[in-house]
Amino acid sequence: MKAMHATEVNDVFAKKGKIRVDGKMVFDRYLFRAKTPAESKGEWDLLEKLRDIPAEGGFRPLAESECAFIKT
């Protein structure tokens, strides 16, 4: 578990992911908006990225975790 908590996860789904002491994996997220057909410039041009959501702001804070292992 120590090694898992110390290892950063970087894959197609999670950039800069970390496993917290409560076992939850937190990672940066992104907010997208679907483009209208008029805005789209091609078959795969479907989304507009509006903003990045850092891991700290995209998940319940560790202080609010209900995990029994970190309450002791």
PDB file of N, CA and C in Angstrom:
ATOM      1  N   MET A   1       0.830  -1.201   0.000  1.00  0.00           N
ATOM      2  CA  MET A   1       0.000   0.000   0.000  1.00  0.00           C
ATOM      3  C   MET A   1       0.865   1.252   0.000  1.00  0.00           C
ATOM      4  N   LYS A   2       1.983   1.189   0.709  1.00  0.00           N
ATOM      5  CA  LYS A   2       2.864   2.353   0.754  1.00  0.00           C
ATOM      6  C   LYS A   2       3.346   2.725  -0.646  1.00  0.00           C
ATOM      7  N   ALA A   3       3.724   1.707  -1.421  1.00  0.00           N
ATOM      8  CA  ALA A   3       4.199   1.939  -2.789  1.00  0.00           C
ATOM      9  C   ALA A   3       3.079   2.487  -3.668  1.00  0.00           C
ATOM     10  N   MET A   4       1.867   1.974  -3.485  1.00  0.00           N
ATOM     11  CA  MET A   4       0.738   2.471  -4.284  1.00  0.00           C
ATOM     12  C   MET A   4       0.445   3.934  -3.973  1.00  0.00           C
ATOM     13  N   HIS A   5       0.506   4.309  -2.714  1.00  0.00           N
ATOM     14  CA  HIS A   5       0.246   5.698  -2.331  1.00  0.00           C
ATOM     15  C   HIS A   5       1.342   6.635  -2.841  1.00  0.00           C
ATOM     16  N   ALA A   6       2.544   6.118  -2.984  1.00  0.00           N
ATOM     17  CA  ALA A   6       3.673   6.945  -3.424  1.00  0.00           C
ATOM     18  C   ALA A   6       3.768   7.053  -4.946  1.00  0.00           C
ATOM     19  N   THR A   7       3.073   6.184  -5.675  1.00  0.00           N
ATOM     20  CA  THR A   7       3.177   6.142  -7.130  1.00  0.00           C
ATOM     21  C   THR A   7       2.156   7.052  -7.794  1.00  0.00           C
ATOM     22  N   GLU A   8       2.632   7.883  -8.725  1.00  0.00           N
ATOM     23  CA  GLU A   8       1.735   8.737  -9.494  1.00  0.00           C
ATOM     24  C   GLU A   8       1.211   7.951 -10.691  1.00  0.00           C
ATOM     25  N   VAL A   9      -0.081   8.060 -10.966  1.00  0.00           N
ATOM     26  CA  VAL A   9      -0.706   7.363 -12.084  1.00  0.00           C
ATOM     27  C   VAL A   9      -0.826   8.325 -13.252  1.00  0.00           C
ATOM     28  N   ASN A  10      -0.281   7.929 -14.391  1.00  0.00           N
ATOM     29  CA  ASN A  10      -0.409   8.706 -15.618  1.00  0.00           C
ATOM     30  C   ASN A  10      -0.817   7.760 -16.732  1.00  0.00           C
ATOM     31  N   ASP A  11      -2.107   7.763 -17.049  1.00  0.00           N
ATOM     32  CA  ASP A  11      -2.589   6.956 -18.160  1.00  0.00           C
ATOM     33  C   ASP A  11      -3.622   7.759 -18.939  1.00  0.00           C
ATOM     34  N   VAL A  12      -4.308   7.116 -19.844  1.00  0.00           N
ATOM     35  CA  VAL A  12      -5.253   7.823 -20.707  1.00  0.00           C
ATOM     36  C   VAL A  12      -6.437   8.399 -19.922  1.00  0.00           C
ATOM     37  N   PHE A  13      -6.768   7.822 -18.790  1.00  0.00           N
ATOM     38  CA  PHE A  13      -7.911   8.279 -18.007  1.00  0.00           C
ATOM     39  C   PHE A  13      -7.544   9.218 -16.866  1.00  0.00           C
ATOM     40  N   ALA A  14      -6.343   9.124 -16.372  1.00  0.00           N
ATOM     41  CA  ALA A  14      -5.959   9.910 -15.197  1.00  0.00           C
ATOM     42  C   ALA A  14      -4.552  10.469 -15.363  1.00  0.00           C
ATOM     43  N   LYS A  15      -4.461  11.767 -15.400  1.00  0.00           N
ATOM     44  CA  LYS A  15      -3.166  12.437 -15.436  1.00  0.00           C
ATOM     45  C   LYS A  15      -2.837  12.913 -14.026  1.00  0.00           C
ATOM     46  N   LYS A  16      -1.625  12.662 -13.599  1.00  0.00           N
ATOM     47  CA  LYS A  16      -1.168  13.059 -12.264  1.00  0.00           C
ATOM     48  C   LYS A  16      -2.081  12.499 -11.162  1.00  0.00           C
ATOM     49  N   GLY A  17      -2.534  11.263 -11.331  1.00  0.00           N
ATOM     50  CA  GLY A  17      -3.408  10.629 -10.348  1.00  0.00           C
ATOM     51  C   GLY A  17      -2.634  10.160  -9.125  1.00  0.00           C
ATOM     52  N   LYS A  18      -3.278  10.234  -7.981  1.00  0.00           N
ATOM     53  CA  LYS A  18      -2.702   9.771  -6.711  1.00  0.00           C
ATOM     54  C   LYS A  18      -3.759   8.985  -5.952  1.00  0.00           C
ATOM     55  N   ILE A  19      -3.313   7.985  -5.213  1.00  0.00           N
ATOM     56  CA  ILE A  19      -4.220   7.249  -4.332  1.00  0.00           C
ATOM     57  C   ILE A  19      -4.031   7.802  -2.928  1.00  0.00           C
ATOM     58  N   ARG A  20      -5.114   8.359  -2.386  1.00  0.00           N
ATOM     59  CA  ARG A  20      -5.039   8.951  -1.054  1.00  0.00           C
ATOM     60  C   ARG A  20      -5.056   7.872   0.014  1.00  0.00           C
ATOM     61  N   VAL A  21      -4.827   8.280   1.251  1.00  0.00           N
ATOM     62  CA  VAL A  21      -4.813   7.323   2.365  1.00  0.00           C
ATOM     63  C   VAL A  21      -6.178   6.676   2.599  1.00  0.00           C
ATOM     64  N   ASP A  22      -7.258   7.314   2.136  1.00  0.00           N
ATOM     65  CA  ASP A  22      -8.579   6.715   2.278  1.00  0.00           C
ATOM     66  C   ASP A  22      -8.907   5.760   1.127  1.00  0.00           C
ATOM     67  N   GLY A  23      -7.945   5.561   0.212  1.00  0.00           N
ATOM     68  CA  GLY A  23      -8.117   4.628  -0.889  1.00  0.00           C
ATOM     69  C   GLY A  23      -8.714   5.216  -2.146  1.00  0.00           C
ATOM     70  N   LYS A  24      -9.155   6.462  -2.115  1.00  0.00           N
ATOM     71  CA  LYS A  24      -9.744   7.093  -3.297  1.00  0.00           C
ATOM     72  C   LYS A  24      -8.637   7.588  -4.222  1.00  0.00           C
ATOM     73  N   MET A  25      -8.780   7.290  -5.521  1.00  0.00           N
ATOM     74  CA  MET A  25      -7.830   7.819  -6.485  1.00  0.00           C
ATOM     75  C   MET A  25      -8.342   9.169  -6.961  1.00  0.00           C
ATOM     76  N   VAL A  26      -7.514  10.183  -6.842  1.00  0.00           N
ATOM     77  CA  VAL A  26      -7.886  11.528  -7.264  1.00  0.00           C
ATOM     78  C   VAL A  26      -6.986  11.949  -8.421  1.00  0.00           C
ATOM     79  N   PHE A  27      -7.547  12.689  -9.358  1.00  0.00           N
ATOM     80  CA  PHE A  27      -6.813  13.101 -10.546  1.00  0.00           C
ATOM     81  C   PHE A  27      -7.472  14.339 -11.131  1.00  0.00           C
ATOM     82  N   ASP A  28      -6.735  15.033 -11.985  1.00  0.00           N
ATOM     83  CA  ASP A  28      -7.279  16.217 -12.625  1.00  0.00           C
ATOM     84  C   ASP A  28      -8.432  15.807 -13.541  1.00  0.00           C
ATOM     85  N   ARG A  29      -9.439  16.653 -13.595  1.00  0.00           N
ATOM     86  CA  ARG A  29     -10.598  16.427 -14.467  1.00  0.00           C
ATOM     87  C   ARG A  29     -10.739  17.620 -15.395  1.00  0.00           C
ATOM     88  N   TYR A  30     -11.642  17.481 -16.353  1.00  0.00           N
ATOM     89  CA  TYR A  30     -11.841  18.528 -17.345  1.00  0.00           C
ATOM     90  C   TYR A  30     -13.329  18.728 -17.572  1.00  0.00           C
ATOM     91  N   LEU A  31     -13.709  19.981 -17.809  1.00  0.00           N
ATOM     92  CA  LEU A  31     -15.096  20.308 -18.104  1.00  0.00           C
ATOM     93  C   LEU A  31     -15.199  20.606 -19.594  1.00  0.00           C
ATOM     94  N   PHE A  32     -16.079  19.873 -20.292  1.00  0.00           N
ATOM     95  CA  PHE A  32     -16.277  20.044 -21.725  1.00  0.00           C
ATOM     96  C   PHE A  32     -17.713  20.463 -22.003  1.00  0.00           C
ATOM     97  N   ARG A  33     -17.896  21.069 -23.177  1.00  0.00           N
ATOM     98  CA  ARG A  33     -19.224  21.421 -23.681  1.00  0.00           C
ATOM     99  C   ARG A  33     -19.344  20.831 -25.075  1.00  0.00           C
ATOM    100  N   ALA A  34     -20.500  20.255 -25.385  1.00  0.00           N
ATOM    101  CA  ALA A  34     -20.729  19.720 -26.721  1.00  0.00           C
ATOM    102  C   ALA A  34     -20.898  20.879 -27.707  1.00  0.00           C
ATOM    103  N   LYS A  35     -20.212  20.792 -28.829  1.00  0.00           N
ATOM    104  CA  LYS A  35     -20.319  21.824 -29.860  1.00  0.00           C
ATOM    105  C   LYS A  35     -21.607  21.636 -30.658  1.00  0.00           C
ATOM    106  N   THR A  36     -22.114  22.728 -31.178  1.00  0.00           N
ATOM    107  CA  THR A  36     -23.253  22.656 -32.088  1.00  0.00           C
ATOM    108  C   THR A  36     -22.733  22.184 -33.440  1.00  0.00           C
ATOM    109  N   PRO A  37     -23.593  21.681 -34.308  1.00  0.00           N
ATOM    110  CA  PRO A  37     -23.135  21.276 -35.644  1.00  0.00           C
ATOM    111  C   PRO A  37     -22.442  22.421 -36.399  1.00  0.00           C
ATOM    112  N   ALA A  38     -22.892  23.653 -36.191  1.00  0.00           N
ATOM    113  CA  ALA A  38     -22.284  24.803 -36.875  1.00  0.00           C
ATOM    114  C   ALA A  38     -20.862  25.080 -36.373  1.00  0.00           C
ATOM    115  N   GLU A  39     -20.593  24.782 -35.102  1.00  0.00           N
ATOM    116  CA  GLU A  39     -19.260  25.020 -34.520  1.00  0.00           C
ATOM    117  C   GLU A  39     -18.265  23.931 -34.892  1.00  0.00           C
ATOM    118  N   SER A  40     -18.753  22.751 -35.180  1.00  0.00           N
ATOM    119  CA  SER A  40     -17.895  21.608 -35.473  1.00  0.00           C
ATOM    120  C   SER A  40     -17.241  21.762 -36.833  1.00  0.00           C
ATOM    121  N   LYS A  41     -15.934  21.471 -36.888  1.00  0.00           N
ATOM    122  CA  LYS A  41     -15.194  21.615 -38.133  1.00  0.00           C
ATOM    123  C   LYS A  41     -14.846  20.268 -38.764  1.00  0.00           C
ATOM    124  N   GLY A  42     -15.348  19.189 -38.176  1.00  0.00           N
ATOM    125  CA  GLY A  42     -15.067  17.865 -38.714  1.00  0.00           C
ATOM    126  C   GLY A  42     -15.822  16.801 -37.947  1.00  0.00           C
ATOM    127  N   GLU A  43     -15.692  15.561 -38.419  1.00  0.00           N
ATOM    128  CA  GLU A  43     -16.439  14.444 -37.847  1.00  0.00           C
ATOM    129  C   GLU A  43     -16.145  14.217 -36.367  1.00  0.00           C
ATOM    130  N   TRP A  44     -14.904  14.428 -35.944  1.00  0.00           N
ATOM    131  CA  TRP A  44     -14.506  14.177 -34.559  1.00  0.00           C
ATOM    132  C   TRP A  44     -14.362  15.458 -33.742  1.00  0.00           C
ATOM    133  N   ASP A  45     -14.742  16.584 -34.289  1.00  0.00           N
ATOM    134  CA  ASP A  45     -14.657  17.870 -33.591  1.00  0.00           C
ATOM    135  C   ASP A  45     -15.981  18.108 -32.858  1.00  0.00           C
ATOM    136  N   LEU A  46     -16.135  17.448 -31.711  1.00  0.00           N
ATOM    137  CA  LEU A  46     -17.424  17.429 -31.027  1.00  0.00           C
ATOM    138  C   LEU A  46     -17.469  18.214 -29.720  1.00  0.00           C
ATOM    139  N   LEU A  47     -16.316  18.402 -29.069  1.00  0.00           N
ATOM    140  CA  LEU A  47     -16.296  18.997 -27.737  1.00  0.00           C
ATOM    141  C   LEU A  47     -15.390  20.214 -27.669  1.00  0.00           C
ATOM    142  N   GLU A  48     -15.760  21.141 -26.797  1.00  0.00           N
ATOM    143  CA  GLU A  48     -14.928  22.297 -26.490  1.00  0.00           C
ATOM    144  C   GLU A  48     -14.529  22.206 -25.019  1.00  0.00           C
ATOM    145  N   LYS A  49     -13.237  22.222 -24.760  1.00  0.00           N
ATOM    146  CA  LYS A  49     -12.758  22.164 -23.382  1.00  0.00           C
ATOM    147  C   LYS A  49     -12.932  23.540 -22.752  1.00  0.00           C
ATOM    148  N   LEU A  50     -13.668  23.586 -21.650  1.00  0.00           N
ATOM    149  CA  LEU A  50     -13.932  24.855 -20.986  1.00  0.00           C
ATOM    150  C   LEU A  50     -12.900  25.165 -19.903  1.00  0.00           C
ATOM    151  N   ARG A  51     -12.540  24.141 -19.118  1.00  0.00           N
ATOM    152  CA  ARG A  51     -11.538  24.386 -18.080  1.00  0.00           C
ATOM    153  C   ARG A  51     -11.024  23.087 -17.482  1.00  0.00           C
ATOM    154  N   ASP A  52      -9.868  23.199 -16.840  1.00  0.00           N
ATOM    155  CA  ASP A  52      -9.291  22.097 -16.079  1.00  0.00           C
ATOM    156  C   ASP A  52      -9.797  22.190 -14.646  1.00  0.00           C
ATOM    157  N   ILE A  53     -10.033  21.051 -14.039  1.00  0.00           N
ATOM    158  CA  ILE A  53     -10.437  20.996 -12.634  1.00  0.00           C
ATOM    159  C   ILE A  53      -9.352  20.203 -11.899  1.00  0.00           C
ATOM    160  N   PRO A  54      -8.523  20.881 -11.095  1.00  0.00           N
ATOM    161  CA  PRO A  54      -7.470  20.168 -10.373  1.00  0.00           C
ATOM    162  C   PRO A  54      -8.049  19.114  -9.431  1.00  0.00           C
ATOM    163  N   ALA A  55      -7.271  18.079  -9.162  1.00  0.00           N
ATOM    164  CA  ALA A  55      -7.718  16.978  -8.303  1.00  0.00           C
ATOM    165  C   ALA A  55      -8.251  17.480  -6.966  1.00  0.00           C
ATOM    166  N   GLU A  56      -7.615  18.496  -6.414  1.00  0.00           N
ATOM    167  CA  GLU A  56      -8.029  19.017  -5.106  1.00  0.00           C
ATOM    168  C   GLU A  56      -9.447  19.583  -5.148  1.00  0.00           C
ATOM    169  N   GLY A  57      -9.891  20.069  -6.305  1.00  0.00           N
ATOM    170  CA  GLY A  57     -11.212  20.666  -6.413  1.00  0.00           C
ATOM    171  C   GLY A  57     -12.255  19.753  -7.018  1.00  0.00           C
ATOM    172  N   GLY A  58     -11.841  18.587  -7.495  1.00  0.00           N
ATOM    173  CA  GLY A  58     -12.765  17.706  -8.187  1.00  0.00           C
ATOM    174  C   GLY A  58     -13.272  16.534  -7.366  1.00  0.00           C
ATOM    175  N   PHE A  59     -12.793  16.403  -6.152  1.00  0.00           N
ATOM    176  CA  PHE A  59     -13.192  15.287  -5.294  1.00  0.00           C
ATOM    177  C   PHE A  59     -13.473  15.805  -3.886  1.00  0.00           C
ATOM    178  N   ARG A  60     -14.208  15.028  -3.116  1.00  0.00           N
ATOM    179  CA  ARG A  60     -14.477  15.383  -1.718  1.00  0.00           C
ATOM    180  C   ARG A  60     -13.155  15.482  -0.982  1.00  0.00           C
ATOM    181  N   PRO A  61     -12.959  16.532  -0.199  1.00  0.00           N
ATOM    182  CA  PRO A  61     -11.695  16.680   0.551  1.00  0.00           C
ATOM    183  C   PRO A  61     -11.455  15.511   1.496  1.00  0.00           C
ATOM    184  N   LEU A  62     -10.196  15.196   1.700  1.00  0.00           N
ATOM    185  CA  LEU A  62      -9.821  14.101   2.591  1.00  0.00           C
ATOM    186  C   LEU A  62     -10.393  14.315   3.990  1.00  0.00           C
ATOM    187  N   ALA A  63     -10.460  15.556   4.436  1.00  0.00           N
ATOM    188  CA  ALA A  63     -10.993  15.863   5.768  1.00  0.00           C
ATOM    189  C   ALA A  63     -12.468  15.466   5.900  1.00  0.00           C
ATOM    190  N   GLU A  64     -13.185  15.363   4.780  1.00  0.00           N
ATOM    191  CA  GLU A  64     -14.604  14.995   4.798  1.00  0.00           C
ATOM    192  C   GLU A  64     -14.827  13.523   4.460  1.00  0.00           C
ATOM    193  N   SER A  65     -13.760  12.766   4.313  1.00  0.00           N
ATOM    194  CA  SER A  65     -13.878  11.344   3.964  1.00  0.00           C
ATOM    195  C   SER A  65     -14.577  10.583   5.081  1.00  0.00           C
ATOM    196  N   GLU A  66     -15.359   9.592   4.702  1.00  0.00           N
ATOM    197  CA  GLU A  66     -16.054   8.746   5.664  1.00  0.00           C
ATOM    198  C   GLU A  66     -15.320   7.437   5.905  1.00  0.00           C
ATOM    199  N   CYS A  67     -14.094   7.333   5.412  1.00  0.00           N
ATOM    200  CA  CYS A  67     -13.300   6.121   5.565  1.00  0.00           C
ATOM    201  C   CYS A  67     -12.909   5.940   7.033  1.00  0.00           C
ATOM    202  N   ALA A  68     -13.210   4.763   7.564  1.00  0.00           N
ATOM    203  CA  ALA A  68     -12.925   4.476   8.974  1.00  0.00           C
ATOM    204  C   ALA A  68     -11.428   4.379   9.260  1.00  0.00           C
ATOM    205  N   PHE A  69     -10.641   4.049   8.255  1.00  0.00           N
ATOM    206  CA  PHE A  69      -9.199   3.869   8.476  1.00  0.00           C
ATOM    207  C   PHE A  69      -8.470   5.186   8.766  1.00  0.00           C
ATOM    208  N   ILE A  70      -8.989   6.309   8.294  1.00  0.00           N
ATOM    209  CA  ILE A  70      -8.282   7.570   8.543  1.00  0.00           C
ATOM    210  C   ILE A  70      -8.838   8.333   9.725  1.00  0.00           C
ATOM    211  N   LYS A  71      -9.898   7.840  10.329  1.00  0.00           N
ATOM    212  CA  LYS A  71     -10.507   8.515  11.482  1.00  0.00           C
ATOM    213  C   LYS A  71      -9.810   8.186  12.779  1.00  0.00           C
ATOM    214  N   THR A  72      -8.950   7.177  12.756  1.00  0.00           N
ATOM    215  CA  THR A  72      -8.298   6.751  14.002  1.00  0.00           C
ATOM    216  C   THR A  72      -7.028   7.529  14.248  1.00  0.00           C
TER     217      THR A  72
END
